[in-house]
Protein backbone atom coordinates (compact mmCIF):
# COMPACT_ATOMS: atom_id res chain seq x y z
CA MET A 1 -0.15 -0.42 0.05
CA LYS A 2 1.39 3.28 -1.01
CA ASP A 3 2.22 6.05 2.02
CA ASN A 4 1.45 9.33 0.43
CA HIS A 5 3.38 11.08 3.56
CA PHE A 6 6.71 9.67 1.86
CA ASN A 7 7.81 10.64 -2.05
CA PHE A 8 10.95 10.43 -3.28
CA SER A 9 13.20 13.01 -4.98
CA THR A 10 15.68 14.06 -6.26
CA ALA A 11 17.07 15.88 -3.14
CA VAL A 12 17.39 12.46 -0.88
CA VAL A 13 20.27 11.54 -2.52
CA GLY A 14 21.17 15.17 -4.02
CA LEU A 15 21.96 16.40 -0.65
CA PRO A 16 24.12 14.05 1.30
CA VAL A 17 25.81 13.74 -1.96
CA LEU A 18 26.73 16.82 -2.30
CA PHE A 19 27.45 17.48 1.50
CA VAL A 20 29.91 14.56 1.54
CA LEU A 21 31.38 15.47 -1.46
CA PHE A 22 32.41 19.20 -0.21
CA LEU A 23 33.67 17.73 2.83
CA TRP A 24 36.40 15.31 0.28
CA ILE A 25 37.37 18.44 -1.45
CA ILE A 26 37.93 20.69 1.32
CA TYR A 27 40.34 17.69 2.88
CA TRP A 28 41.85 17.33 -1.09
CA ILE A 29 42.65 21.32 -1.02
CA GLN A 30 44.02 20.73 2.84
CA ILE A 31 46.53 17.94 1.58
CA ARG A 32 47.15 19.22 -1.64
CA PHE A 33 48.18 22.07 -0.96
CA ASP A 34 49.11 21.81 2.16
CA PHE A 35 46.65 24.01 4.03
CA ASP A 36 46.60 23.95 8.05
CA PHE A 37 42.38 24.06 8.66
CA TYR A 38 42.98 23.26 12.29
CA GLN A 39 42.98 26.75 13.38
CA TYR A 40 39.57 27.41 11.92
CA GLY A 41 38.00 24.61 14.24
CA ILE A 42 36.22 25.40 17.38
CA TYR A 43 38.83 26.98 20.36
CA PRO A 44 35.80 27.07 23.26
CA ARG A 45 35.63 30.65 25.22
CA ASP A 46 38.18 32.39 22.61
CA VAL A 47 36.22 35.54 20.28
CA LEU A 48 38.72 34.13 17.36
CA GLY A 49 37.37 30.70 18.31
CA LEU A 50 33.83 31.23 17.57
CA GLN A 51 34.73 30.97 12.97
CA GLY A 52 34.67 27.15 14.09
CA ILE A 53 30.80 26.68 14.79
CA LEU A 54 30.65 27.79 10.69
CA PHE A 55 33.85 25.54 9.34
CA SER A 56 34.75 23.13 12.11
CA PRO A 57 31.98 20.36 10.50
CA PHE A 58 33.77 20.96 7.32
CA ILE A 59 37.49 19.59 8.52
CA HIS A 60 38.77 16.96 9.38
CA GLU A 61 42.60 15.50 11.00
CA ASN A 62 42.94 13.04 8.67
CA LEU A 63 41.43 10.35 5.76
CA GLY A 64 40.06 8.02 8.77
CA HIS A 65 38.42 10.85 10.64
CA LEU A 66 37.01 12.00 7.27
CA TYR A 67 35.57 8.22 5.97
CA ASN A 68 34.32 7.56 10.30
CA ASN A 69 32.19 10.48 9.46
CA SER A 70 31.37 10.65 5.57
CA ILE A 71 28.88 6.74 5.87
CA PRO A 72 26.77 8.16 8.60
CA LEU A 73 26.50 11.43 7.18
CA PHE A 74 25.32 9.94 3.71
CA VAL A 75 22.71 7.82 5.42
CA LEU A 76 21.28 9.85 8.09
CA LEU A 77 21.23 12.88 5.49
CA ALA A 78 19.27 10.48 3.21
CA ALA A 79 17.03 9.79 6.32
CA LEU A 80 15.98 13.18 7.12
CA GLN A 81 15.66 14.47 3.62
CA PHE A 82 13.32 11.04 3.03
CA PHE A 83 11.19 11.63 5.92
CA TYR A 84 11.23 14.73 7.39
CA PRO A 85 11.47 17.29 3.93
CA LYS A 86 10.52 19.97 5.88
CA GLN A 87 12.50 19.79 8.68
CA SER A 88 15.73 18.68 6.72
CA PHE A 89 17.09 21.95 6.32
CA PRO A 90 16.84 23.53 9.35
CA VAL A 91 17.69 21.00 11.56
CA ILE A 92 21.01 20.82 9.85
CA ALA A 93 21.89 24.60 9.99
CA TYR A 94 20.58 25.09 13.51
CA GLY A 95 21.88 21.49 14.12
CA ILE A 96 25.79 23.16 13.22
CA LEU A 97 25.38 26.20 14.58
CA PHE A 98 24.04 25.38 18.14
CA SER A 99 25.94 22.44 18.17
CA GLY A 100 28.80 23.99 17.57
CA LEU A 101 28.03 26.96 20.22
CA ILE A 102 27.98 24.56 22.90
CA THR A 103 30.83 22.80 22.54
CA TRP A 104 32.51 26.59 22.43
CA ILE A 105 30.82 26.92 26.02
CA ILE A 106 31.33 23.46 27.70
CA GLY A 107 35.10 22.20 25.11
CA ARG A 108 38.30 21.55 26.61
CA THR A 109 40.49 24.22 25.85
CA ASN A 110 41.26 22.47 22.31
CA TYR A 111 40.55 22.50 18.59
CA HIS A 112 37.82 20.97 17.93
CA ILE A 113 36.93 20.22 14.44
CA GLY A 114 34.52 17.25 12.48
CA ALA A 115 31.14 16.76 11.84
CA SER A 116 30.95 14.12 14.10
CA GLY A 117 28.22 16.82 16.14
CA LEU A 118 26.03 17.37 13.30
CA ILE A 119 25.85 13.77 13.19
CA TYR A 120 24.64 13.08 16.78
CA VAL A 121 22.45 16.41 16.02
CA LEU A 122 20.96 14.21 12.89
CA VAL A 123 20.76 10.29 15.24
CA THR A 124 19.43 12.24 18.14
CA PHE A 125 16.46 13.99 15.87
CA ILE A 126 15.65 11.00 13.35
CA PHE A 127 15.30 9.01 16.82
CA PHE A 128 13.30 10.94 18.69
CA LYS A 129 10.99 12.85 16.48
CA GLY A 130 9.73 8.85 15.62
CA ILE A 131 8.97 8.47 19.35
CA GLN A 132 7.45 11.75 19.44
CA THR A 133 5.35 11.30 16.14
CA LYS A 134 3.92 7.37 17.07
CA TYR A 135 3.59 6.96 13.21
CA TYR A 136 4.48 3.64 13.17
CA ARG A 137 7.12 4.18 10.37
CA LEU A 138 8.91 6.71 11.95
CA VAL A 139 8.86 4.69 14.87
CA ALA A 140 10.48 1.91 12.95
CA LEU A 141 13.01 4.16 11.58
CA SER A 142 14.03 5.44 15.36
CA PHE A 143 14.76 2.07 15.98
CA ALA A 144 16.71 1.38 12.90
CA VAL A 145 18.96 4.25 13.80
CA VAL A 146 19.40 2.83 17.31
CA LEU A 147 20.52 -0.62 16.20
CA LEU A 148 22.63 0.89 13.37
CA TYR A 149 24.14 3.98 15.58
CA GLY A 150 23.30 2.83 19.22
CA GLY A 151 26.61 2.31 20.18
CA MET A 152 27.38 5.75 19.52
CA ILE A 153 25.92 7.34 23.20
CA TRP A 154 28.94 6.23 25.20
CA TYR A 155 31.09 8.93 23.72
CA VAL A 156 29.01 11.67 24.66
CA PHE A 157 31.08 10.44 28.32
CA PRO A 158 34.04 12.30 29.09
CA ASP A 159 37.01 9.31 29.42
CA VAL A 160 36.07 7.27 26.59
CA ASP A 161 38.15 8.24 24.23
CA ALA A 162 40.35 11.26 25.02
CA SER A 163 41.04 11.76 21.34
CA ILE A 164 37.63 12.47 20.34
CA SER A 165 35.46 15.79 20.97
CA TRP A 166 32.84 13.88 23.22
CA GLU A 167 31.75 17.87 24.22
CA GLY A 168 31.24 18.13 20.51
CA HIS A 169 29.00 14.55 21.27
CA LEU A 170 26.98 15.65 24.17
CA ALA A 171 26.82 19.42 22.01
CA GLY A 172 25.17 17.46 19.22
CA PHE A 173 22.81 14.90 21.37
CA ILE A 174 21.76 18.49 23.07
CA THR A 175 20.60 19.77 19.84
CA GLY A 176 18.65 17.34 18.53
CA PHE A 177 16.69 16.48 21.06
CA VAL A 178 15.69 19.82 21.39
CA LEU A 179 14.96 20.53 17.88
CA THR A 180 12.50 18.04 18.26
CA LEU A 181 10.71 20.02 20.61
CA PHE A 182 10.73 23.00 18.00
CA TYR A 183 10.05 21.26 14.67
CA LYS A 184 6.74 19.46 14.96
CA ALA A 185 5.74 17.01 12.11
CA PRO A 186 1.77 18.21 11.87
CA GLU A 187 1.79 16.07 8.85
CA TYR A 188 2.33 12.83 11.08
CA THR A 189 -0.66 13.32 13.16
CA LYS A 190 -3.34 11.28 13.28
CA PRO A 191 -6.85 13.16 12.07
CA ILE A 192 -9.18 13.46 14.22
CA VAL A 193 -12.27 11.32 13.18
CA TYR A 194 -14.52 10.84 16.17
CA ASP A 195 -15.49 13.40 18.94
CA TRP A 196 -13.81 11.95 22.18
CA GLN A 197 -10.47 12.62 19.87
CA LYS A 198 -11.05 16.31 20.16
CA PRO A 199 -9.03 17.77 23.31
CA ASP A 200 -11.90 19.94 24.76
CA PHE A 201 -14.34 16.49 25.03
CA ASN A 202 -16.56 16.48 28.07
CA PRO A 203 -17.71 12.47 28.52
CA GLU A 204 -20.50 13.80 30.68
CA ASP A 205 -22.48 15.66 27.66
CA ASP A 206 -21.67 12.97 25.10
CA PRO A 207 -25.41 10.84 24.23
CA PHE A 208 -22.96 7.55 23.62
CA MET A 209 -21.55 7.71 27.06
CA LYS A 210 -24.94 8.96 28.94
CA HIS A 211 -25.18 4.98 28.46
CA PHE A 212 -23.40 4.13 31.27
CA ASP A 213 -22.59 4.71 34.58
CA GLU A 214 -19.98 5.57 36.97
CA ASN A 215 -19.06 1.85 36.90
CA GLY A 216 -19.22 1.82 33.44
CA ASN A 217 -22.89 -0.42 33.59
CA PHE A 218 -24.76 -0.22 30.69
CA VAL A 219 -27.58 1.80 31.32
CA ASN A 220 -30.52 2.05 29.09
CA THR A 221 -31.69 5.62 29.27
CA GLU A 222 -34.27 4.83 26.67
CA LYS A 223 -36.20 2.28 28.19
CA ILE A 224 -35.94 4.52 31.46
CA GLU A 225 -36.98 7.73 29.40
CA GLU A 226 -40.29 5.90 27.89
CA GLU A 227 -41.39 4.63 31.71
CA SER A 228 -41.21 8.24 33.33
CA GLU A 229 -43.53 9.44 30.17
CA ILE A 230 -45.83 6.47 30.82
CA ILE A 231 -46.11 7.51 34.25
CA SER A 232 -46.19 10.95 33.83
CA THR A 233 -49.47 10.08 31.06
CA TYR A 234 -51.23 7.87 33.81
CA PHE A 235 -50.87 10.51 36.93
CA ASN A 236 -50.59 13.64 35.66
CA SER A 237 -53.66 16.08 33.78
CA ASP A 238 -53.86 19.44 33.28
CA VAL A 239 -57.93 19.27 33.56
CA LEU A 240 -59.87 20.62 35.70
CA VAL A 241 -62.05 17.71 38.07
CA ASN A 242 -64.87 18.96 40.11
CA TYR A 243 -66.33 16.14 42.44
CA THR A 244 -70.05 16.36 44.02
CA VAL A 245 -70.17 14.96 47.82
CA THR A 246 -73.79 14.08 48.11
CA ARG A 247 -75.87 12.72 51.02
CA THR A 248 -77.45 9.84 51.22
CA GLU A 249 -79.86 7.76 53.75
CA SER A 250 -77.67 5.61 55.06
CA ASP A 251 -75.03 8.22 55.74
CA ASP A 252 -77.98 9.99 57.66
CA LYS A 253 -78.65 6.68 60.06
CA ASN A 254 -74.94 6.36 61.06
């Protein structure tokens, strides 16, 4: 059965391809012309280090670092664009901005580079957003993300690996979760079909709910109403009745 929520477009492949390709071009320029891009990374609590908020996701230390970030970036960006096309670009832009800013605030006094912070933003956003929507396909996507990248959670803690920026990972995790609260997905909300699904629904005013007592037992209110009408028909009358009392001989003798 076709799901009208999900429509494949060239952006599903184009976005991750262009993003990852740009990372590789930057790295090629770095090694080809022997540029030192590390100084453009995030340097915490330094005014000049603020530039790294924009530049650090595109700078990588070595080929292994770039390769390890390229594959999850490609998969996660494709998933984000396919399942959340309306939220994809704001999530990427604000994910880079705020995860970098948090890293600048809490990070160690060293240069923080790499796209791993953005990866944590994407993993966290896709996971929590799927759970929040309660839409079965997106919940399945959330579990798939946990299955593939659930082990990354350990790298948001200090002292797990001194060679990585756990601050950047933690910043990405926080940012991704906060973005799920700001960016809703109303297209996946179930439509309101019944009155009891409305937030202002009052069971006491509902005709159907009146058939049940406080213990949940069924009460035939129609039968009670019919009996009350019959009783009112036999014993209630608007006609004025005049009674005449006569005296008989038997009454005189008594």
